[in-house]
Amino acid sequence: MIGAVDVLLKGVAGGLVTMAIVLASRRGNVLPGILPLAPTFAIIALLAVGAKGEAGAFRETCLAGFRTIPAYLVFLAVAWWIGGSFDYRLALLGGLCAWLVVALALFLGPRWL
């Protein structure tokens, strides 16, 4: 079972990355786009799963992370495309919807075949 301190530390790590992205956005546009590629949230997920002590579960989580890369790329592509013509909030919503569709297809699609 994950303790409250573990959850707090993981939340602080996520908050620090969020703060870094916001601060970087004040100085330019490239760094805020690169920072989400840092494996911060993957590390948090892998710490949570790794704490169980099951190597198979840890490796399964790594593979699940690999499988999300296409969905992330679709999110960015759709947000970029919509962002050229509409408000950035609509671009984010459209990208998130596209991400959800691709992620569901990637994870549920093999079950349907």
PDB file of N, CA and C in Angstrom:
ATOM      1  N   MET A   1       0.844  -1.185   0.000  1.00  0.00           N
ATOM      2  CA  MET A   1       0.000   0.000   0.000  1.00  0.00           C
ATOM      3  C   MET A   1       0.889   1.249   0.000  1.00  0.00           C
ATOM      4  N   ILE A   2       0.486   2.207  -0.771  1.00  0.00           N
ATOM      5  CA  ILE A   2       1.255   3.440  -0.882  1.00  0.00           C
ATOM      6  C   ILE A   2       0.893   4.343   0.290  1.00  0.00           C
ATOM      7  N   GLY A   3       1.923   4.841   0.982  1.00  0.00           N
ATOM      8  CA  GLY A   3       1.694   5.708   2.120  1.00  0.00           C
ATOM      9  C   GLY A   3       1.401   7.139   1.702  1.00  0.00           C
ATOM     10  N   ALA A   4       0.886   7.912   2.624  1.00  0.00           N
ATOM     11  CA  ALA A   4       0.528   9.302   2.357  1.00  0.00           C
ATOM     12  C   ALA A   4       1.754  10.128   1.961  1.00  0.00           C
ATOM     13  N   VAL A   5       2.897   9.830   2.567  1.00  0.00           N
ATOM     14  CA  VAL A   5       4.119  10.567   2.239  1.00  0.00           C
ATOM     15  C   VAL A   5       4.532  10.276   0.797  1.00  0.00           C
ATOM     16  N   ASP A   6       4.413   9.014   0.372  1.00  0.00           N
ATOM     17  CA  ASP A   6       4.735   8.671  -1.005  1.00  0.00           C
ATOM     18  C   ASP A   6       3.861   9.449  -1.991  1.00  0.00           C
ATOM     19  N   VAL A   7       2.574   9.484  -1.701  1.00  0.00           N
ATOM     20  CA  VAL A   7       1.641  10.215  -2.571  1.00  0.00           C
ATOM     21  C   VAL A   7       1.988  11.702  -2.576  1.00  0.00           C
ATOM     22  N   LEU A   8       2.302  12.248  -1.420  1.00  0.00           N
ATOM     23  CA  LEU A   8       2.663  13.661  -1.319  1.00  0.00           C
ATOM     24  C   LEU A   8       3.915  13.967  -2.134  1.00  0.00           C
ATOM     25  N   LEU A   9       4.933  13.114  -2.025  1.00  0.00           N
ATOM     26  CA  LEU A   9       6.175  13.331  -2.777  1.00  0.00           C
ATOM     27  C   LEU A   9       5.937  13.257  -4.289  1.00  0.00           C
ATOM     28  N   LYS A  10       5.100  12.350  -4.718  1.00  0.00           N
ATOM     29  CA  LYS A  10       4.780  12.243  -6.145  1.00  0.00           C
ATOM     30  C   LYS A  10       4.008  13.483  -6.609  1.00  0.00           C
ATOM     31  N   GLY A  11       3.130  13.970  -5.778  1.00  0.00           N
ATOM     32  CA  GLY A  11       2.391  15.192  -6.104  1.00  0.00           C
ATOM     33  C   GLY A  11       3.310  16.403  -6.180  1.00  0.00           C
ATOM     34  N   VAL A  12       4.275  16.469  -5.289  1.00  0.00           N
ATOM     35  CA  VAL A  12       5.243  17.567  -5.311  1.00  0.00           C
ATOM     36  C   VAL A  12       6.082  17.506  -6.585  1.00  0.00           C
ATOM     37  N   ALA A  13       6.496  16.318  -6.982  1.00  0.00           N
ATOM     38  CA  ALA A  13       7.281  16.174  -8.220  1.00  0.00           C
ATOM     39  C   ALA A  13       6.478  16.669  -9.423  1.00  0.00           C
ATOM     40  N   GLY A  14       5.213  16.270  -9.508  1.00  0.00           N
ATOM     41  CA  GLY A  14       4.356  16.732 -10.606  1.00  0.00           C
ATOM     42  C   GLY A  14       4.150  18.237 -10.564  1.00  0.00           C
ATOM     43  N   GLY A  15       3.980  18.768  -9.365  1.00  0.00           N
ATOM     44  CA  GLY A  15       3.809  20.213  -9.213  1.00  0.00           C
ATOM     45  C   GLY A  15       5.049  20.991  -9.620  1.00  0.00           C
ATOM     46  N   LEU A  16       6.224  20.458  -9.302  1.00  0.00           N
ATOM     47  CA  LEU A  16       7.472  21.126  -9.695  1.00  0.00           C
ATOM     48  C   LEU A  16       7.640  21.165 -11.212  1.00  0.00           C
ATOM     49  N   VAL A  17       7.272  20.081 -11.872  1.00  0.00           N
ATOM     50  CA  VAL A  17       7.355  20.083 -13.330  1.00  0.00           C
ATOM     51  C   VAL A  17       6.367  21.083 -13.915  1.00  0.00           C
ATOM     52  N   THR A  18       5.170  21.129 -13.357  1.00  0.00           N
ATOM     53  CA  THR A  18       4.178  22.099 -13.814  1.00  0.00           C
ATOM     54  C   THR A  18       4.697  23.522 -13.624  1.00  0.00           C
ATOM     55  N   MET A  19       5.287  23.797 -12.477  1.00  0.00           N
ATOM     56  CA  MET A  19       5.845  25.121 -12.211  1.00  0.00           C
ATOM     57  C   MET A  19       6.961  25.435 -13.205  1.00  0.00           C
ATOM     58  N   ALA A  20       7.813  24.467 -13.499  1.00  0.00           N
ATOM     59  CA  ALA A  20       8.904  24.683 -14.458  1.00  0.00           C
ATOM     60  C   ALA A  20       8.360  25.009 -15.843  1.00  0.00           C
ATOM     61  N   ILE A  21       7.296  24.338 -16.248  1.00  0.00           N
ATOM     62  CA  ILE A  21       6.694  24.607 -17.555  1.00  0.00           C
ATOM     63  C   ILE A  21       6.130  26.021 -17.602  1.00  0.00           C
ATOM     64  N   VAL A  22       5.418  26.415 -16.555  1.00  0.00           N
ATOM     65  CA  VAL A  22       4.830  27.765 -16.518  1.00  0.00           C
ATOM     66  C   VAL A  22       5.923  28.830 -16.520  1.00  0.00           C
ATOM     67  N   LEU A  23       6.954  28.641 -15.718  1.00  0.00           N
ATOM     68  CA  LEU A  23       8.049  29.615 -15.684  1.00  0.00           C
ATOM     69  C   LEU A  23       8.790  29.664 -17.024  1.00  0.00           C
ATOM     70  N   ALA A  24       8.998  28.517 -17.640  1.00  0.00           N
ATOM     71  CA  ALA A  24       9.684  28.481 -18.934  1.00  0.00           C
ATOM     72  C   ALA A  24       8.855  29.162 -20.022  1.00  0.00           C
ATOM     73  N   SER A  25       7.543  29.111 -19.892  1.00  0.00           N
ATOM     74  CA  SER A  25       6.688  29.733 -20.909  1.00  0.00           C
ATOM     75  C   SER A  25       6.810  31.256 -20.913  1.00  0.00           C
ATOM     76  N   ARG A  26       7.323  31.816 -19.855  1.00  0.00           N
ATOM     77  CA  ARG A  26       7.521  33.269 -19.793  1.00  0.00           C
ATOM     78  C   ARG A  26       8.765  33.701 -20.559  1.00  0.00           C
ATOM     79  N   ARG A  27       9.649  32.749 -20.842  1.00  0.00           N
ATOM     80  CA  ARG A  27      10.920  33.067 -21.491  1.00  0.00           C
ATOM     81  C   ARG A  27      10.993  32.605 -22.941  1.00  0.00           C
ATOM     82  N   GLY A  28      10.018  31.863 -23.377  1.00  0.00           N
ATOM     83  CA  GLY A  28      10.045  31.390 -24.752  1.00  0.00           C
ATOM     84  C   GLY A  28       8.988  30.332 -24.981  1.00  0.00           C
ATOM     85  N   ASN A  29       8.993  29.774 -26.174  1.00  0.00           N
ATOM     86  CA  ASN A  29       7.963  28.821 -26.543  1.00  0.00           C
ATOM     87  C   ASN A  29       8.469  27.394 -26.733  1.00  0.00           C
ATOM     88  N   VAL A  30       9.762  27.214 -26.887  1.00  0.00           N
ATOM     89  CA  VAL A  30      10.286  25.885 -27.177  1.00  0.00           C
ATOM     90  C   VAL A  30      10.416  25.038 -25.912  1.00  0.00           C
ATOM     91  N   LEU A  31      11.027  25.573 -24.877  1.00  0.00           N
ATOM     92  CA  LEU A  31      11.250  24.806 -23.656  1.00  0.00           C
ATOM     93  C   LEU A  31       9.951  24.278 -23.044  1.00  0.00           C
ATOM     94  N   PRO A  32       8.871  25.057 -22.992  1.00  0.00           N
ATOM     95  CA  PRO A  32       7.624  24.489 -22.455  1.00  0.00           C
ATOM     96  C   PRO A  32       7.099  23.312 -23.285  1.00  0.00           C
ATOM     97  N   GLY A  33       7.459  23.263 -24.558  1.00  0.00           N
ATOM     98  CA  GLY A  33       7.065  22.131 -25.378  1.00  0.00           C
ATOM     99  C   GLY A  33       7.938  20.920 -25.181  1.00  0.00           C
ATOM    100  N   ILE A  34       9.156  21.132 -24.723  1.00  0.00           N
ATOM    101  CA  ILE A  34      10.095  20.034 -24.503  1.00  0.00           C
ATOM    102  C   ILE A  34       9.933  19.434 -23.106  1.00  0.00           C
ATOM    103  N   LEU A  35       9.663  20.249 -22.110  1.00  0.00           N
ATOM    104  CA  LEU A  35       9.592  19.758 -20.726  1.00  0.00           C
ATOM    105  C   LEU A  35       8.598  18.613 -20.515  1.00  0.00           C
ATOM    106  N   PRO A  36       7.433  18.607 -21.181  1.00  0.00           N
ATOM    107  CA  PRO A  36       6.540  17.457 -20.964  1.00  0.00           C
ATOM    108  C   PRO A  36       7.143  16.130 -21.419  1.00  0.00           C
ATOM    109  N   LEU A  37       8.170  16.180 -22.252  1.00  0.00           N
ATOM    110  CA  LEU A  37       8.816  14.943 -22.678  1.00  0.00           C
ATOM    111  C   LEU A  37       9.733  14.381 -21.605  1.00  0.00           C
ATOM    112  N   ALA A  38      10.056  15.183 -20.592  1.00  0.00           N
ATOM    113  CA  ALA A  38      10.830  14.658 -19.467  1.00  0.00           C
ATOM    114  C   ALA A  38       9.983  13.574 -18.810  1.00  0.00           C
ATOM    115  N   PRO A  39      10.583  12.498 -18.392  1.00  0.00           N
ATOM    116  CA  PRO A  39       9.794  11.360 -17.903  1.00  0.00           C
ATOM    117  C   PRO A  39       9.261  11.501 -16.480  1.00  0.00           C
ATOM    118  N   THR A  40       8.948  12.714 -16.061  1.00  0.00           N
ATOM    119  CA  THR A  40       8.511  12.941 -14.679  1.00  0.00           C
ATOM    120  C   THR A  40       7.313  12.089 -14.304  1.00  0.00           C
ATOM    121  N   PHE A  41       6.269  12.145 -15.111  1.00  0.00           N
ATOM    122  CA  PHE A  41       5.058  11.408 -14.752  1.00  0.00           C
ATOM    123  C   PHE A  41       5.251   9.906 -14.943  1.00  0.00           C
ATOM    124  N   ALA A  42       6.104   9.530 -15.889  1.00  0.00           N
ATOM    125  CA  ALA A  42       6.434   8.115 -16.037  1.00  0.00           C
ATOM    126  C   ALA A  42       7.193   7.630 -14.803  1.00  0.00           C
ATOM    127  N   ILE A  43       8.084   8.455 -14.294  1.00  0.00           N
ATOM    128  CA  ILE A  43       8.827   8.083 -13.083  1.00  0.00           C
ATOM    129  C   ILE A  43       7.871   7.915 -11.913  1.00  0.00           C
ATOM    130  N   ILE A  44       6.916   8.823 -11.791  1.00  0.00           N
ATOM    131  CA  ILE A  44       5.934   8.716 -10.701  1.00  0.00           C
ATOM    132  C   ILE A  44       5.151   7.417 -10.830  1.00  0.00           C
ATOM    133  N   ALA A  45       4.687   7.102 -12.028  1.00  0.00           N
ATOM    134  CA  ALA A  45       3.934   5.863 -12.240  1.00  0.00           C
ATOM    135  C   ALA A  45       4.798   4.645 -11.955  1.00  0.00           C
ATOM    136  N   LEU A  46       6.047   4.680 -12.427  1.00  0.00           N
ATOM    137  CA  LEU A  46       6.932   3.533 -12.231  1.00  0.00           C
ATOM    138  C   LEU A  46       7.346   3.380 -10.772  1.00  0.00           C
ATOM    139  N   LEU A  47       7.468   4.484 -10.052  1.00  0.00           N
ATOM    140  CA  LEU A  47       7.736   4.393  -8.615  1.00  0.00           C
ATOM    141  C   LEU A  47       6.574   3.728  -7.889  1.00  0.00           C
ATOM    142  N   ALA A  48       5.354   4.124  -8.258  1.00  0.00           N
ATOM    143  CA  ALA A  48       4.177   3.558  -7.603  1.00  0.00           C
ATOM    144  C   ALA A  48       4.067   2.064  -7.879  1.00  0.00           C
ATOM    145  N   VAL A  49       4.286   1.663  -9.123  1.00  0.00           N
ATOM    146  CA  VAL A  49       4.185   0.248  -9.479  1.00  0.00           C
ATOM    147  C   VAL A  49       5.393  -0.520  -8.956  1.00  0.00           C
ATOM    148  N   GLY A  50       6.578   0.069  -9.070  1.00  0.00           N
ATOM    149  CA  GLY A  50       7.792  -0.595  -8.610  1.00  0.00           C
ATOM    150  C   GLY A  50       7.795  -0.849  -7.116  1.00  0.00           C
ATOM    151  N   ALA A  51       7.105  -0.003  -6.347  1.00  0.00           N
ATOM    152  CA  ALA A  51       7.052  -0.177  -4.895  1.00  0.00           C
ATOM    153  C   ALA A  51       6.353  -1.478  -4.506  1.00  0.00           C
ATOM    154  N   LYS A  52       5.581  -2.045  -5.416  1.00  0.00           N
ATOM    155  CA  LYS A  52       4.925  -3.325  -5.139  1.00  0.00           C
ATOM    156  C   LYS A  52       5.930  -4.472  -5.137  1.00  0.00           C
ATOM    157  N   GLY A  53       7.085  -4.264  -5.775  1.00  0.00           N
ATOM    158  CA  GLY A  53       8.117  -5.283  -5.812  1.00  0.00           C
ATOM    159  C   GLY A  53       7.910  -6.353  -6.861  1.00  0.00           C
ATOM    160  N   GLU A  54       7.082  -6.092  -7.847  1.00  0.00           N
ATOM    161  CA  GLU A  54       6.806  -7.071  -8.893  1.00  0.00           C
ATOM    162  C   GLU A  54       7.461  -6.605 -10.194  1.00  0.00           C
ATOM    163  N   ALA A  55       8.522  -7.296 -10.603  1.00  0.00           N
ATOM    164  CA  ALA A  55       9.245  -6.903 -11.816  1.00  0.00           C
ATOM    165  C   ALA A  55       8.347  -6.968 -13.044  1.00  0.00           C
ATOM    166  N   GLY A  56       7.477  -7.952 -13.109  1.00  0.00           N
ATOM    167  CA  GLY A  56       6.573  -8.077 -14.255  1.00  0.00           C
ATOM    168  C   GLY A  56       5.624  -6.903 -14.366  1.00  0.00           C
ATOM    169  N   ALA A  57       5.104  -6.443 -13.235  1.00  0.00           N
ATOM    170  CA  ALA A  57       4.199  -5.293 -13.233  1.00  0.00           C
ATOM    171  C   ALA A  57       4.939  -4.028 -13.648  1.00  0.00           C
ATOM    172  N   PHE A  58       6.174  -3.898 -13.187  1.00  0.00           N
ATOM    173  CA  PHE A  58       6.997  -2.743 -13.554  1.00  0.00           C
ATOM    174  C   PHE A  58       7.206  -2.707 -15.060  1.00  0.00           C
ATOM    175  N   ARG A  59       7.574  -3.845 -15.616  1.00  0.00           N
ATOM    176  CA  ARG A  59       7.828  -3.921 -17.063  1.00  0.00           C
ATOM    177  C   ARG A  59       6.543  -3.708 -17.854  1.00  0.00           C
ATOM    178  N   GLU A  60       5.419  -4.199 -17.354  1.00  0.00           N
ATOM    179  CA  GLU A  60       4.130  -3.990 -18.021  1.00  0.00           C
ATOM    180  C   GLU A  60       3.785  -2.512 -18.070  1.00  0.00           C
ATOM    181  N   THR A  61       4.091  -1.791 -17.003  1.00  0.00           N
ATOM    182  CA  THR A  61       3.856  -0.349 -16.964  1.00  0.00           C
ATOM    183  C   THR A  61       4.737   0.368 -17.979  1.00  0.00           C
ATOM    184  N   CYS A  62       5.982  -0.077 -18.117  1.00  0.00           N
ATOM    185  CA  CYS A  62       6.876   0.502 -19.139  1.00  0.00           C
ATOM    186  C   CYS A  62       6.288   0.306 -20.532  1.00  0.00           C
ATOM    187  N   LEU A  63       5.808  -0.889 -20.817  1.00  0.00           N
ATOM    188  CA  LEU A  63       5.211  -1.162 -22.130  1.00  0.00           C
ATOM    189  C   LEU A  63       3.956  -0.329 -22.371  1.00  0.00           C
ATOM    190  N   ALA A  64       3.160  -0.143 -21.330  1.00  0.00           N
ATOM    191  CA  ALA A  64       1.966   0.703 -21.470  1.00  0.00           C
ATOM    192  C   ALA A  64       2.377   2.126 -21.821  1.00  0.00           C
ATOM    193  N   GLY A  65       3.461   2.603 -21.236  1.00  0.00           N
ATOM    194  CA  GLY A  65       3.972   3.932 -21.578  1.00  0.00           C
ATOM    195  C   GLY A  65       4.398   4.023 -23.031  1.00  0.00           C
ATOM    196  N   PHE A  66       5.051   2.974 -23.528  1.00  0.00           N
ATOM    197  CA  PHE A  66       5.418   2.937 -24.951  1.00  0.00           C
ATOM    198  C   PHE A  66       4.195   3.066 -25.831  1.00  0.00           C
ATOM    199  N   ARG A  67       3.141   2.396 -25.438  1.00  0.00           N
ATOM    200  CA  ARG A  67       1.929   2.369 -26.263  1.00  0.00           C
ATOM    201  C   ARG A  67       1.217   3.716 -26.311  1.00  0.00           C
ATOM    202  N   THR A  68       1.510   4.606 -25.378  1.00  0.00           N
ATOM    203  CA  THR A  68       0.831   5.904 -25.377  1.00  0.00           C
ATOM    204  C   THR A  68       1.486   6.928 -26.300  1.00  0.00           C
ATOM    205  N   ILE A  69       2.673   6.630 -26.807  1.00  0.00           N
ATOM    206  CA  ILE A  69       3.388   7.594 -27.650  1.00  0.00           C
ATOM    207  C   ILE A  69       2.587   7.992 -28.886  1.00  0.00           C
ATOM    208  N   PRO A  70       1.968   7.062 -29.621  1.00  0.00           N
ATOM    209  CA  PRO A  70       1.164   7.497 -30.777  1.00  0.00           C
ATOM    210  C   PRO A  70       0.013   8.431 -30.385  1.00  0.00           C
ATOM    211  N   ALA A  71      -0.631   8.137 -29.250  1.00  0.00           N
ATOM    212  CA  ALA A  71      -1.734   8.991 -28.799  1.00  0.00           C
ATOM    213  C   ALA A  71      -1.226  10.399 -28.472  1.00  0.00           C
ATOM    214  N   TYR A  72      -0.053  10.497 -27.871  1.00  0.00           N
ATOM    215  CA  TYR A  72       0.533  11.794 -27.555  1.00  0.00           C
ATOM    216  C   TYR A  72       0.846  12.567 -28.832  1.00  0.00           C
ATOM    217  N   LEU A  73       1.383  11.880 -29.821  1.00  0.00           N
ATOM    218  CA  LEU A  73       1.691  12.538 -31.098  1.00  0.00           C
ATOM    219  C   LEU A  73       0.416  13.029 -31.793  1.00  0.00           C
ATOM    220  N   VAL A  74      -0.649  12.235 -31.718  1.00  0.00           N
ATOM    221  CA  VAL A  74      -1.933  12.658 -32.293  1.00  0.00           C
ATOM    222  C   VAL A  74      -2.454  13.877 -31.541  1.00  0.00           C
ATOM    223  N   PHE A  75      -2.350  13.867 -30.221  1.00  0.00           N
ATOM    224  CA  PHE A  75      -2.775  15.031 -29.429  1.00  0.00           C
ATOM    225  C   PHE A  75      -2.076  16.298 -29.916  1.00  0.00           C
ATOM    226  N   LEU A  76      -0.756  16.220 -30.045  1.00  0.00           N
ATOM    227  CA  LEU A  76       0.003  17.397 -30.477  1.00  0.00           C
ATOM    228  C   LEU A  76      -0.362  17.816 -31.896  1.00  0.00           C
ATOM    229  N   ALA A  77      -0.542  16.857 -32.788  1.00  0.00           N
ATOM    230  CA  ALA A  77      -0.876  17.173 -34.180  1.00  0.00           C
ATOM    231  C   ALA A  77      -2.241  17.850 -34.283  1.00  0.00           C
ATOM    232  N   VAL A  78      -3.223  17.319 -33.590  1.00  0.00           N
ATOM    233  CA  VAL A  78      -4.572  17.903 -33.638  1.00  0.00           C
ATOM    234  C   VAL A  78      -4.577  19.277 -32.970  1.00  0.00           C
ATOM    235  N   ALA A  79      -3.901  19.417 -31.832  1.00  0.00           N
ATOM    236  CA  ALA A  79      -3.834  20.728 -31.169  1.00  0.00           C
ATOM    237  C   ALA A  79      -3.152  21.745 -32.078  1.00  0.00           C
ATOM    238  N   TRP A  80      -2.089  21.342 -32.755  1.00  0.00           N
ATOM    239  CA  TRP A  80      -1.392  22.234 -33.691  1.00  0.00           C
ATOM    240  C   TRP A  80      -2.318  22.640 -34.832  1.00  0.00           C
ATOM    241  N   TRP A  81      -3.024  21.687 -35.391  1.00  0.00           N
ATOM    242  CA  TRP A  81      -3.904  21.941 -36.535  1.00  0.00           C
ATOM    243  C   TRP A  81      -5.056  22.867 -36.142  1.00  0.00           C
ATOM    244  N   ILE A  82      -5.746  22.570 -35.062  1.00  0.00           N
ATOM    245  CA  ILE A  82      -6.877  23.388 -34.623  1.00  0.00           C
ATOM    246  C   ILE A  82      -6.395  24.747 -34.136  1.00  0.00           C
ATOM    247  N   GLY A  83      -5.227  24.769 -33.487  1.00  0.00           N
ATOM    248  CA  GLY A  83      -4.699  26.017 -32.938  1.00  0.00           C
ATOM    249  C   GLY A  83      -4.384  27.066 -33.993  1.00  0.00           C
ATOM    250  N   GLY A  84      -4.253  26.663 -35.234  1.00  0.00           N
ATOM    251  CA  GLY A  84      -3.998  27.626 -36.307  1.00  0.00           C
ATOM    252  C   GLY A  84      -5.210  28.448 -36.677  1.00  0.00           C
ATOM    253  N   SER A  85      -6.406  27.960 -36.347  1.00  0.00           N
ATOM    254  CA  SER A  85      -7.636  28.641 -36.761  1.00  0.00           C
ATOM    255  C   SER A  85      -8.561  29.028 -35.618  1.00  0.00           C
ATOM    256  N   PHE A  86      -8.410  28.377 -34.483  1.00  0.00           N
ATOM    257  CA  PHE A  86      -9.337  28.587 -33.375  1.00  0.00           C
ATOM    258  C   PHE A  86      -8.575  28.926 -32.093  1.00  0.00           C
ATOM    259  N   ASP A  87      -9.323  29.254 -31.068  1.00  0.00           N
ATOM    260  CA  ASP A  87      -8.764  29.574 -29.754  1.00  0.00           C
ATOM    261  C   ASP A  87      -7.972  28.380 -29.216  1.00  0.00           C
ATOM    262  N   TYR A  88      -6.930  28.668 -28.481  1.00  0.00           N
ATOM    263  CA  TYR A  88      -6.070  27.606 -27.964  1.00  0.00           C
ATOM    264  C   TYR A  88      -6.822  26.629 -27.069  1.00  0.00           C
ATOM    265  N   ARG A  89      -7.850  27.099 -26.378  1.00  0.00           N
ATOM    266  CA  ARG A  89      -8.620  26.199 -25.503  1.00  0.00           C
ATOM    267  C   ARG A  89      -9.374  25.151 -26.320  1.00  0.00           C
ATOM    268  N   LEU A  90      -9.901  25.557 -27.459  1.00  0.00           N
ATOM    269  CA  LEU A  90     -10.548  24.588 -28.345  1.00  0.00           C
ATOM    270  C   LEU A  90      -9.519  23.628 -28.934  1.00  0.00           C
ATOM    271  N   ALA A  91      -8.336  24.149 -29.229  1.00  0.00           N
ATOM    272  CA  ALA A  91      -7.270  23.293 -29.745  1.00  0.00           C
ATOM    273  C   ALA A  91      -6.899  22.230 -28.710  1.00  0.00           C
ATOM    274  N   LEU A  92      -6.804  22.622 -27.444  1.00  0.00           N
ATOM    275  CA  LEU A  92      -6.487  21.661 -26.382  1.00  0.00           C
ATOM    276  C   LEU A  92      -7.602  20.634 -26.210  1.00  0.00           C
ATOM    277  N   LEU A  93      -8.837  21.096 -26.263  1.00  0.00           N
ATOM    278  CA  LEU A  93      -9.972  20.183 -26.136  1.00  0.00           C
ATOM    279  C   LEU A  93     -10.001  19.198 -27.306  1.00  0.00           C
ATOM    280  N   GLY A  94      -9.791  19.709 -28.506  1.00  0.00           N
ATOM    281  CA  GLY A  94      -9.759  18.831 -29.676  1.00  0.00           C
ATOM    282  C   GLY A  94      -8.627  17.831 -29.589  1.00  0.00           C
ATOM    283  N   GLY A  95      -7.455  18.291 -29.170  1.00  0.00           N
ATOM    284  CA  GLY A  95      -6.320  17.394 -29.015  1.00  0.00           C
ATOM    285  C   GLY A  95      -6.578  16.338 -27.961  1.00  0.00           C
ATOM    286  N   LEU A  96      -7.206  16.741 -26.869  1.00  0.00           N
ATOM    287  CA  LEU A  96      -7.513  15.788 -25.802  1.00  0.00           C
ATOM    288  C   LEU A  96      -8.521  14.742 -26.267  1.00  0.00           C
ATOM    289  N   CYS A  97      -9.524  15.173 -27.020  1.00  0.00           N
ATOM    290  CA  CYS A  97     -10.504  14.218 -27.558  1.00  0.00           C
ATOM    291  C   CYS A  97      -9.826  13.230 -28.514  1.00  0.00           C
ATOM    292  N   ALA A  98      -8.952  13.749 -29.368  1.00  0.00           N
ATOM    293  CA  ALA A  98      -8.233  12.879 -30.301  1.00  0.00           C
ATOM    294  C   ALA A  98      -7.327  11.911 -29.535  1.00  0.00           C
ATOM    295  N   TRP A  99      -6.663  12.405 -28.501  1.00  0.00           N
ATOM    296  CA  TRP A  99      -5.809  11.546 -27.676  1.00  0.00           C
ATOM    297  C   TRP A  99      -6.634  10.413 -27.068  1.00  0.00           C
ATOM    298  N   LEU A 100      -7.803  10.748 -26.549  1.00  0.00           N
ATOM    299  CA  LEU A 100      -8.658   9.747 -25.911  1.00  0.00           C
ATOM    300  C   LEU A 100      -9.078   8.675 -26.909  1.00  0.00           C
ATOM    301  N   VAL A 101      -9.465   9.088 -28.107  1.00  0.00           N
ATOM    302  CA  VAL A 101      -9.879   8.124 -29.132  1.00  0.00           C
ATOM    303  C   VAL A 101      -8.730   7.184 -29.480  1.00  0.00           C
ATOM    304  N   VAL A 102      -7.544   7.747 -29.702  1.00  0.00           N
ATOM    305  CA  VAL A 102      -6.393   6.920 -30.071  1.00  0.00           C
ATOM    306  C   VAL A 102      -5.982   6.020 -28.907  1.00  0.00           C
ATOM    307  N   ALA A 103      -5.954   6.572 -27.698  1.00  0.00           N
ATOM    308  CA  ALA A 103      -5.568   5.765 -26.537  1.00  0.00           C
ATOM    309  C   ALA A 103      -6.545   4.609 -26.329  1.00  0.00           C
ATOM    310  N   LEU A 104      -7.828   4.877 -26.456  1.00  0.00           N
ATOM    311  CA  LEU A 104      -8.807   3.798 -26.313  1.00  0.00           C
ATOM    312  C   LEU A 104      -8.630   2.748 -27.398  1.00  0.00           C
ATOM    313  N   ALA A 105      -8.384   3.205 -28.628  1.00  0.00           N
ATOM    314  CA  ALA A 105      -8.167   2.260 -29.726  1.00  0.00           C
ATOM    315  C   ALA A 105      -6.922   1.412 -29.485  1.00  0.00           C
ATOM    316  N   LEU A 106      -5.863   2.030 -28.979  1.00  0.00           N
ATOM    317  CA  LEU A 106      -4.626   1.296 -28.725  1.00  0.00           C
ATOM    318  C   LEU A 106      -4.771   0.254 -27.624  1.00  0.00           C
ATOM    319  N   PHE A 107      -5.513   0.605 -26.588  1.00  0.00           N
ATOM    320  CA  PHE A 107      -5.603  -0.290 -25.440  1.00  0.00           C
ATOM    321  C   PHE A 107      -6.792  -1.236 -25.509  1.00  0.00           C
ATOM    322  N   LEU A 108      -7.892  -0.813 -26.150  1.00  0.00           N
ATOM    323  CA  LEU A 108      -9.057  -1.674 -26.222  1.00  0.00           C
ATOM    324  C   LEU A 108      -9.178  -2.378 -27.564  1.00  0.00           C
ATOM    325  N   GLY A 109      -8.543  -1.811 -28.592  1.00  0.00           N
ATOM    326  CA  GLY A 109      -8.621  -2.382 -29.937  1.00  0.00           C
ATOM    327  C   GLY A 109      -8.230  -3.839 -30.007  1.00  0.00           C
ATOM    328  N   PRO A 110      -7.105  -4.233 -29.412  1.00  0.00           N
ATOM    329  CA  PRO A 110      -6.711  -5.655 -29.473  1.00  0.00           C
ATOM    330  C   PRO A 110      -7.748  -6.605 -28.862  1.00  0.00           C
ATOM    331  N   ARG A 111      -8.520  -6.138 -27.915  1.00  0.00           N
ATOM    332  CA  ARG A 111      -9.559  -6.978 -27.301  1.00  0.00           C
ATOM    333  C   ARG A 111     -10.714  -7.217 -28.253  1.00  0.00           C
ATOM    334  N   TRP A 112     -10.957  -6.226 -29.123  1.00  0.00           N
ATOM    335  CA  TRP A 112     -12.089  -6.317 -30.044  1.00  0.00           C
ATOM    336  C   TRP A 112     -11.771  -7.184 -31.257  1.00  0.00           C
ATOM    337  N   LEU A 113     -10.493  -7.430 -31.502  1.00  0.00           N
ATOM    338  CA  LEU A 113     -10.101  -8.199 -32.696  1.00  0.00           C
ATOM    339  C   LEU A 113     -10.187  -9.686 -32.451  1.00  0.00           C
TER     340      LEU A 113
END
